[in-house]
Amino acid sequence: MENMENAARKKVMLSGIQPSGDLTLGSYLGAIKNWAERDEEFDNYYFMADMHSITVRQDPAALRRRTLEQLAQYIACGLDPEKNTLFIQSHVPQHAELGWVLNCYTMFGELSRMTQFKDKSAKNSENINGGLFTYPALMAADILLYQPDYVPVGEDQLPMLEQAKEIVHKFNSIYEPVLVEPEILLPENGRNESIPERRLQSPGKREDRRSGI
């Protein structure tokens, strides 16, 4: 019976999206359309990564509105909430809680060598905050909280995913193996289909609204 249950269990896939603006045609063609086609094959978890967005200064009311609007747009574009788990990151306190725990197992030197931190610090020199520095630990918590089998990312996110895997190795070597290391999936064209054009943006940067849906 247990073997039958394991055989019937769908593989788990997880993706996070920053609520950084209007849904674009590129986002739909590059990600959402593919996500909607996976709902029979995988047990999918999709969340709005609003906590990651606040490493850049935000208007709280506008961020709440964008988060809800963008989630509604994804549902309207084919992500069926009856077949996929859709949620908002900040509504699940365990993300922040596990993020703090994993911070304590992530070395300062490892974080300081992350190219994303260096790049974004150079672009946002007036707002080099701790959240930007410890971003990989929260990203690891986002993933490991759900123990997914697969995490689709682009090549530009590979360093942070490799850091998440390093955290898993360190944690499991100290304690018994409790964290599952997910498999990284790269899209064929190497672009980030997990968070298409939704990366942290420099203050004042605006998306081209002509590409909006």
Protein backbone atom coordinates (compact mmCIF):
# COMPACT_ATOMS: atom_id res chain seq x y z
CA MET A 1 0.00 0.00 0.00
CA GLU A 2 2.82 2.41 0.87
CA ASN A 3 4.54 1.71 -2.45
CA MET A 4 1.31 2.45 -4.31
CA GLU A 5 0.92 5.75 -2.45
CA ASN A 6 4.50 6.75 -3.26
CA ALA A 7 3.98 5.86 -6.93
CA ALA A 8 0.79 7.92 -7.04
CA ARG A 9 2.32 10.95 -5.33
CA LYS A 10 2.91 13.83 -7.66
CA LYS A 11 6.29 15.51 -7.67
CA VAL A 12 6.25 18.90 -5.96
CA MET A 13 7.27 22.05 -7.86
CA LEU A 14 7.60 25.53 -6.34
CA SER A 15 7.99 29.02 -7.81
CA GLY A 16 7.94 32.47 -6.24
CA ILE A 17 7.04 35.71 -8.01
CA GLN A 18 7.74 39.24 -6.83
CA PRO A 19 4.68 41.53 -7.15
CA SER A 20 6.66 44.21 -8.93
CA GLY A 21 4.15 45.47 -11.49
CA ASP A 22 1.55 44.69 -14.11
CA LEU A 23 1.51 41.30 -15.78
CA THR A 24 3.35 41.49 -19.10
CA LEU A 25 2.96 39.47 -22.28
CA GLY A 26 6.49 38.18 -21.76
CA SER A 27 5.57 36.93 -18.29
CA TYR A 28 2.54 35.13 -19.66
CA LEU A 29 4.31 33.47 -22.60
CA GLY A 30 7.51 32.77 -20.69
CA ALA A 31 6.07 31.42 -17.45
CA ILE A 32 2.36 31.41 -16.65
CA LYS A 33 1.29 29.53 -19.76
CA ASN A 34 3.84 26.82 -18.93
CA TRP A 35 2.75 26.73 -15.28
CA ALA A 36 -0.90 26.20 -16.24
CA GLU A 37 0.10 23.23 -18.40
CA ARG A 38 1.82 21.55 -15.43
CA ASP A 39 -1.11 21.37 -13.04
CA GLU A 40 -1.94 17.75 -13.91
CA GLU A 41 1.68 16.60 -13.77
CA PHE A 42 2.94 18.26 -10.58
CA ASP A 43 1.75 19.33 -7.15
CA ASN A 44 2.47 23.03 -7.70
CA TYR A 45 3.06 25.79 -5.16
CA TYR A 46 3.11 29.39 -6.45
CA PHE A 47 3.51 32.34 -4.11
CA MET A 48 3.75 36.11 -4.30
CA ALA A 49 7.16 36.95 -2.78
CA ASP A 50 6.16 40.27 -1.24
CA MET A 51 8.70 39.97 1.58
CA HIS A 52 11.54 39.92 -0.95
CA SER A 53 10.17 43.10 -2.52
CA ILE A 54 10.80 45.22 0.58
CA THR A 55 14.58 45.11 0.16
CA VAL A 56 13.70 48.06 -2.09
CA ARG A 57 11.66 50.83 -0.42
CA GLN A 58 7.94 50.31 -1.06
CA ASP A 59 4.70 52.15 -0.44
CA PRO A 60 2.87 49.66 1.85
CA ALA A 61 -0.60 50.27 0.42
CA ALA A 62 0.66 50.04 -3.16
CA LEU A 63 2.56 46.82 -2.42
CA ARG A 64 -0.53 45.20 -0.88
CA ARG A 65 -2.62 46.25 -3.88
CA ARG A 66 -0.07 44.98 -6.42
CA THR A 67 0.28 41.68 -4.58
CA LEU A 68 -3.45 40.96 -4.64
CA GLU A 69 -3.92 42.26 -8.18
CA GLN A 70 -1.05 40.22 -9.58
CA LEU A 71 -2.26 37.07 -7.85
CA ALA A 72 -5.71 37.66 -9.36
CA GLN A 73 -4.13 38.17 -12.78
CA TYR A 74 -2.36 34.81 -12.57
CA ILE A 75 -5.63 33.10 -11.72
CA ALA A 76 -7.33 34.89 -14.62
CA CYS A 77 -4.55 33.69 -16.95
CA GLY A 78 -5.13 30.04 -16.20
CA LEU A 79 -3.62 29.09 -12.82
CA ASP A 80 -6.50 27.11 -11.32
CA PRO A 81 -6.55 27.48 -7.50
CA GLU A 82 -8.36 24.14 -7.34
CA LYS A 83 -5.32 22.43 -8.90
CA ASN A 84 -2.49 24.63 -7.63
CA THR A 85 -1.61 26.06 -4.23
CA LEU A 86 -1.49 29.86 -4.53
CA PHE A 87 -0.57 32.06 -1.59
CA ILE A 88 1.15 35.24 -0.39
CA GLN A 89 4.54 34.83 1.27
CA SER A 90 3.97 37.28 4.14
CA HIS A 91 0.72 35.53 5.06
CA VAL A 92 2.71 32.42 6.05
CA PRO A 93 4.88 33.41 9.07
CA GLN A 94 6.93 30.23 8.79
CA HIS A 95 8.83 31.79 5.86
CA ALA A 96 10.34 34.45 8.12
CA GLU A 97 10.77 32.01 11.00
CA LEU A 98 12.69 29.44 8.96
CA GLY A 99 14.59 32.27 7.26
CA TRP A 100 15.97 33.33 10.66
CA VAL A 101 16.94 29.75 11.54
CA LEU A 102 18.76 29.32 8.21
CA ASN A 103 20.50 32.68 8.72
CA CYS A 104 22.17 31.07 11.70
CA TYR A 105 23.57 28.31 9.46
CA THR A 106 24.76 30.61 6.66
CA MET A 107 28.26 31.98 6.94
CA PHE A 108 29.00 35.70 6.59
CA GLY A 109 31.74 35.01 4.06
CA GLU A 110 29.41 32.98 1.86
CA LEU A 111 26.85 35.78 1.74
CA SER A 112 29.45 38.49 1.13
CA ARG A 113 30.69 36.64 -1.96
CA MET A 114 27.25 36.51 -3.61
CA THR A 115 27.46 38.41 -6.90
CA GLN A 116 23.79 39.46 -6.64
CA PHE A 117 24.50 41.31 -3.39
CA LYS A 118 27.47 43.10 -4.92
CA ASP A 119 25.54 44.06 -8.06
CA LYS A 120 22.45 45.33 -6.24
CA SER A 121 24.52 47.16 -3.63
CA ALA A 122 26.26 49.03 -6.43
CA LYS A 123 22.90 49.96 -7.98
CA ASN A 124 21.27 50.90 -4.65
CA SER A 125 24.15 52.47 -2.76
CA GLU A 126 21.79 54.58 -0.64
CA ASN A 127 19.89 51.49 0.60
CA ILE A 128 22.33 48.63 1.26
CA ASN A 129 20.25 46.88 3.90
CA GLY A 130 20.55 43.63 5.83
CA GLY A 131 17.65 42.07 3.95
CA LEU A 132 19.55 42.45 0.70
CA PHE A 133 22.56 40.74 2.30
CA THR A 134 20.61 37.80 3.78
CA TYR A 135 18.28 37.42 0.78
CA PRO A 136 19.64 33.91 -0.02
CA ALA A 137 18.69 32.59 3.45
CA LEU A 138 15.07 33.71 3.06
CA MET A 139 15.01 32.33 -0.47
CA ALA A 140 16.27 29.01 0.90
CA ALA A 141 13.51 29.09 3.54
CA ASP A 142 10.91 29.74 0.83
CA ILE A 143 12.04 26.57 -0.91
CA LEU A 144 12.83 24.22 1.96
CA LEU A 145 9.62 24.94 3.84
CA TYR A 146 7.74 22.97 1.17
CA GLN A 147 10.41 20.32 0.47
CA PRO A 148 9.86 20.53 -3.32
CA ASP A 149 11.32 18.08 -5.79
CA TYR A 150 11.89 20.77 -8.44
CA VAL A 151 12.56 24.51 -8.48
CA PRO A 152 12.57 26.15 -11.95
CA VAL A 153 15.01 29.07 -12.14
CA GLY A 154 17.09 30.99 -14.65
CA GLU A 155 20.86 30.94 -14.90
CA ASP A 156 21.11 34.29 -13.10
CA GLN A 157 19.60 32.72 -9.98
CA LEU A 158 21.84 29.66 -9.89
CA PRO A 159 24.28 31.14 -7.28
CA MET A 160 21.45 31.66 -4.79
CA LEU A 161 20.04 28.19 -5.44
CA GLU A 162 23.50 26.70 -4.99
CA GLN A 163 23.74 28.62 -1.72
CA ALA A 164 20.41 27.10 -0.65
CA LYS A 165 21.80 23.64 -1.39
CA GLU A 166 24.90 24.46 0.65
CA ILE A 167 22.66 25.42 3.59
CA VAL A 168 20.91 22.05 3.26
CA HIS A 169 24.23 20.21 3.35
CA LYS A 170 25.44 22.18 6.39
CA PHE A 171 22.18 21.73 8.32
CA ASN A 172 21.91 18.03 7.54
CA SER A 173 25.55 17.42 8.48
CA ILE A 174 24.97 18.90 11.94
CA TYR A 175 21.63 17.20 12.51
CA GLU A 176 19.97 14.20 10.95
CA PRO A 177 18.96 14.62 7.27
CA VAL A 178 15.70 16.52 7.55
CA LEU A 179 15.96 19.01 4.66
CA VAL A 180 15.45 17.74 1.13
CA GLU A 181 17.71 19.12 -1.58
CA PRO A 182 15.55 20.12 -4.57
CA GLU A 183 16.51 19.60 -8.18
CA ILE A 184 17.11 22.79 -10.14
CA LEU A 185 15.31 23.08 -13.48
CA LEU A 186 16.68 25.47 -16.09
CA PRO A 187 14.48 26.64 -18.97
CA GLU A 188 15.79 25.76 -22.42
CA ASN A 189 16.61 29.36 -23.28
CA GLY A 190 18.37 30.00 -19.95
CA ARG A 191 16.01 32.83 -19.00
CA ASN A 192 14.34 32.92 -15.64
CA GLU A 193 10.89 31.42 -16.09
CA SER A 194 10.33 31.31 -12.33
CA ILE A 195 10.41 35.08 -11.87
CA PRO A 196 10.32 36.51 -15.42
CA GLU A 197 11.53 40.09 -15.43
CA ARG A 198 10.43 40.41 -11.78
CA ARG A 199 13.81 40.77 -10.16
CA LEU A 200 14.68 43.42 -7.58
CA GLN A 201 14.60 46.76 -9.32
CA SER A 202 16.49 49.95 -8.72
CA PRO A 203 14.35 52.67 -7.13
CA GLY A 204 12.59 54.66 -9.80
CA LYS A 205 12.91 51.98 -12.47
CA ARG A 206 9.64 51.49 -14.36
CA GLU A 207 8.51 48.65 -16.54
CA ASP A 208 7.37 49.35 -20.09
CA ARG A 209 3.60 49.43 -19.67
CA ARG A 210 3.17 48.89 -23.42
CA SER A 211 3.96 45.20 -22.79
CA GLY A 212 1.24 44.85 -20.14
CA ILE A 213 -1.77 42.61 -20.54
